[in-house]
C-alpha atoms as a PDB file:
ATOM      1  CA  MET A   1      16.016  -2.015  17.269  1.00  0.00           C
ATOM      2  CA  LYS A   2      17.170  -3.204  13.868  1.00  0.00           C
ATOM      3  CA  LEU A   3      14.518  -4.913  11.725  1.00  0.00           C
ATOM      4  CA  CYS A   4      16.225  -4.967   8.319  1.00  0.00           C
ATOM      5  CA  GLY A   5      19.539  -4.114   6.762  1.00  0.00           C
ATOM      6  CA  PRO A   6      20.663  -0.824   5.234  1.00  0.00           C
ATOM      7  CA  LYS A   7      19.961  -1.746   1.598  1.00  0.00           C
ATOM      8  CA  CYS A   8      16.536  -3.196   2.307  1.00  0.00           C
ATOM      9  CA  SER A   9      15.486  -0.233   4.430  1.00  0.00           C
ATOM     10  CA  LEU A  10      16.674   2.254   1.793  1.00  0.00           C
ATOM     11  CA  CYS A  11      14.861   0.350  -0.950  1.00  0.00           C
ATOM     12  CA  CYS A  12      11.653   0.255   1.109  1.00  0.00           C
ATOM     13  CA  THR A  13      11.966   3.986   1.809  1.00  0.00           C
ATOM     14  CA  LEU A  14      12.293   4.826  -1.889  1.00  0.00           C
ATOM     15  CA  LEU A  15       9.465   2.504  -2.915  1.00  0.00           C
ATOM     16  CA  SER A  16       7.219   3.931  -0.190  1.00  0.00           C
ATOM     17  CA  ALA A  17       7.900   7.492  -1.320  1.00  0.00           C
ATOM     18  CA  TRP A  18       7.087   6.569  -4.907  1.00  0.00           C
ATOM     19  CA  GLY A  19       3.957   4.672  -3.816  1.00  0.00           C
ATOM     20  CA  ILE A  20       2.698   7.730  -1.932  1.00  0.00           C
ATOM     21  CA  VAL A  21       3.194   9.995  -4.938  1.00  0.00           C
ATOM     22  CA  GLN A  22       1.632   7.577  -7.410  1.00  0.00           C
ATOM     23  CA  LEU A  23      -1.373   6.644  -5.284  1.00  0.00           C
ATOM     24  CA  ALA A  24      -2.020  10.237  -4.231  1.00  0.00           C
ATOM     25  CA  LEU A  25      -2.074  11.330  -7.882  1.00  0.00           C
ATOM     26  CA  MET A  26      -4.287   8.414  -8.866  1.00  0.00           C
ATOM     27  CA  GLY A  27      -6.640   9.200  -5.978  1.00  0.00           C
ATOM     28  CA  ILE A  28      -6.875  12.812  -7.089  1.00  0.00           C
ATOM     29  CA  PHE A  29      -7.562  11.812 -10.686  1.00  0.00           C
ATOM     30  CA  PHE A  30     -10.248   9.344  -9.624  1.00  0.00           C
ATOM     31  CA  PHE A  31     -11.743  12.008  -7.332  1.00  0.00           C
ATOM     32  CA  ILE A  32     -12.053  14.468 -10.226  1.00  0.00           C
ATOM     33  CA  LYS A  33     -13.424  11.641 -12.408  1.00  0.00           C
ATOM     34  CA  SER A  34     -10.705  11.644 -15.026  1.00  0.00           C
ATOM     35  CA  PRO A  35     -11.865   9.860 -18.182  1.00  0.00           C
ATOM     36  CA  ALA A  36      -8.402   8.338 -18.608  1.00  0.00           C
ATOM     37  CA  PHE A  37      -9.252   5.814 -15.866  1.00  0.00           C
ATOM     38  CA  ILE A  38     -12.692   4.812 -17.141  1.00  0.00           C
ATOM     39  CA  GLU A  39     -11.458   1.345 -18.136  1.00  0.00           C
ATOM     40  CA  ASP A  40     -10.481   0.665 -14.511  1.00  0.00           C
ATOM     41  CA  LEU A  41     -13.982   1.217 -13.151  1.00  0.00           C
ATOM     42  CA  TYR A  42     -16.349  -1.533 -12.079  1.00  0.00           C
ATOM     43  CA  ILE A  43     -19.772  -1.131 -13.648  1.00  0.00           C
ATOM     44  CA  PRO A  44     -22.289  -3.960 -13.049  1.00  0.00           C
ATOM     45  CA  GLU A  45     -23.983  -5.443 -16.104  1.00  0.00           C
ATOM     46  CA  GLU A  46     -27.424  -4.356 -14.834  1.00  0.00           C
ATOM     47  CA  ALA A  47     -26.359  -0.700 -15.024  1.00  0.00           C
ATOM     48  CA  HIS A  48     -25.585  -0.891 -18.742  1.00  0.00           C
ATOM     49  CA  HIS A  49     -29.281  -0.854 -19.668  1.00  0.00           C
ATOM     50  CA  ASP A  50     -30.317   2.390 -17.948  1.00  0.00           C
ATOM     51  CA  ALA A  51     -28.463   5.692 -18.388  1.00  0.00           C
ATOM     52  CA  ASN A  52     -29.236   6.965 -14.874  1.00  0.00           C
ATOM     53  CA  GLU A  53     -28.080   3.723 -13.248  1.00  0.00           C
ATOM     54  CA  TYR A  54     -24.957   3.748 -15.414  1.00  0.00           C
ATOM     55  CA  ILE A  55     -24.025   7.281 -14.322  1.00  0.00           C
ATOM     56  CA  LYS A  56     -24.735   6.408 -10.677  1.00  0.00           C
ATOM     57  CA  ALA A  57     -22.570   3.270 -10.899  1.00  0.00           C
ATOM     58  CA  LEU A  58     -19.847   5.310 -12.614  1.00  0.00           C
ATOM     59  CA  ASP A  59     -19.841   7.921  -9.829  1.00  0.00           C
ATOM     60  CA  GLU A  60     -19.854   5.263  -7.092  1.00  0.00           C
ATOM     61  CA  SER A  61     -16.976   3.416  -8.708  1.00  0.00           C
ATOM     62  CA  TYR A  62     -14.894   6.591  -9.090  1.00  0.00           C
ATOM     63  CA  HIS A  63     -15.536   7.467  -5.432  1.00  0.00           C
ATOM     64  CA  THR A  64     -14.747   3.969  -4.147  1.00  0.00           C
ATOM     65  CA  ILE A  65     -11.470   3.758  -6.039  1.00  0.00           C
ATOM     66  CA  ALA A  66     -10.456   7.278  -4.964  1.00  0.00           C
ATOM     67  CA  VAL A  67     -11.017   6.325  -1.311  1.00  0.00           C
ATOM     68  CA  ASN A  68      -9.096   3.073  -1.783  1.00  0.00           C
ATOM     69  CA  CYS A  69      -6.159   4.980  -3.292  1.00  0.00           C
ATOM     70  CA  GLY A  70      -6.198   7.351  -0.327  1.00  0.00           C
ATOM     71  CA  ILE A  71      -6.167   4.467   2.146  1.00  0.00           C
ATOM     72  CA  ALA A  72      -3.331   2.757   0.285  1.00  0.00           C
ATOM     73  CA  ALA A  73      -1.333   6.011   0.210  1.00  0.00           C
ATOM     74  CA  GLY A  74      -1.845   6.293   3.971  1.00  0.00           C
ATOM     75  CA  MET A  75      -0.524   2.763   4.415  1.00  0.00           C
ATOM     76  CA  TYR A  76       2.519   3.712   2.371  1.00  0.00           C
ATOM     77  CA  VAL A  77       3.059   6.688   4.714  1.00  0.00           C
ATOM     78  CA  ILE A  78       3.244   4.247   7.619  1.00  0.00           C
ATOM     79  CA  THR A  79       5.678   2.066   5.671  1.00  0.00           C
ATOM     80  CA  LEU A  80       7.753   5.159   4.826  1.00  0.00           C
ATOM     81  CA  ILE A  81       7.980   6.113   8.501  1.00  0.00           C
ATOM     82  CA  ILE A  82       9.061   2.617   9.540  1.00  0.00           C
ATOM     83  CA  SER A  83      11.579   2.184   6.733  1.00  0.00           C
ATOM     84  CA  GLY A  84      12.938   5.723   7.237  1.00  0.00           C
ATOM     85  CA  TRP A  85      13.400   4.910  10.905  1.00  0.00           C
ATOM     86  CA  GLN A  86      15.301   1.768   9.887  1.00  0.00           C
ATOM     87  CA  VAL A  87      17.542   3.806   7.579  1.00  0.00           C
ATOM     88  CA  MET A  88      18.454   6.038  10.522  1.00  0.00           C
ATOM     89  CA  VAL A  89      19.012   3.022  12.805  1.00  0.00           C
ATOM     90  CA  ASN A  90      21.319   1.434  10.229  1.00  0.00           C
ATOM     91  CA  GLN A  91      23.301   4.679   9.761  1.00  0.00           C
ATOM     92  CA  ARG A  92      23.990   4.928  13.499  1.00  0.00           C
ATOM     93  CA  SER A  93      25.413   1.424  13.835  1.00  0.00           C
END
């Protein structure tokens, strides 16, 4: 069953592979709390006044974003499987 053409399926396969690599690395870096990503964290204004609340909000934000990156990488795996299947379907015909 052909869903897309050969060029589109190859492009989607390459983009999915890159998305998996990028999001997996970002998820790992957020999981280990890399300071390079501190500007991407969401910290509520209320947490800026107390050091303990700030650290708690920082940890929660790192964890949330790491999980979100993992979920997005998993979605890219599904896209990679579908687009790789389409590459094989287009090569056969």
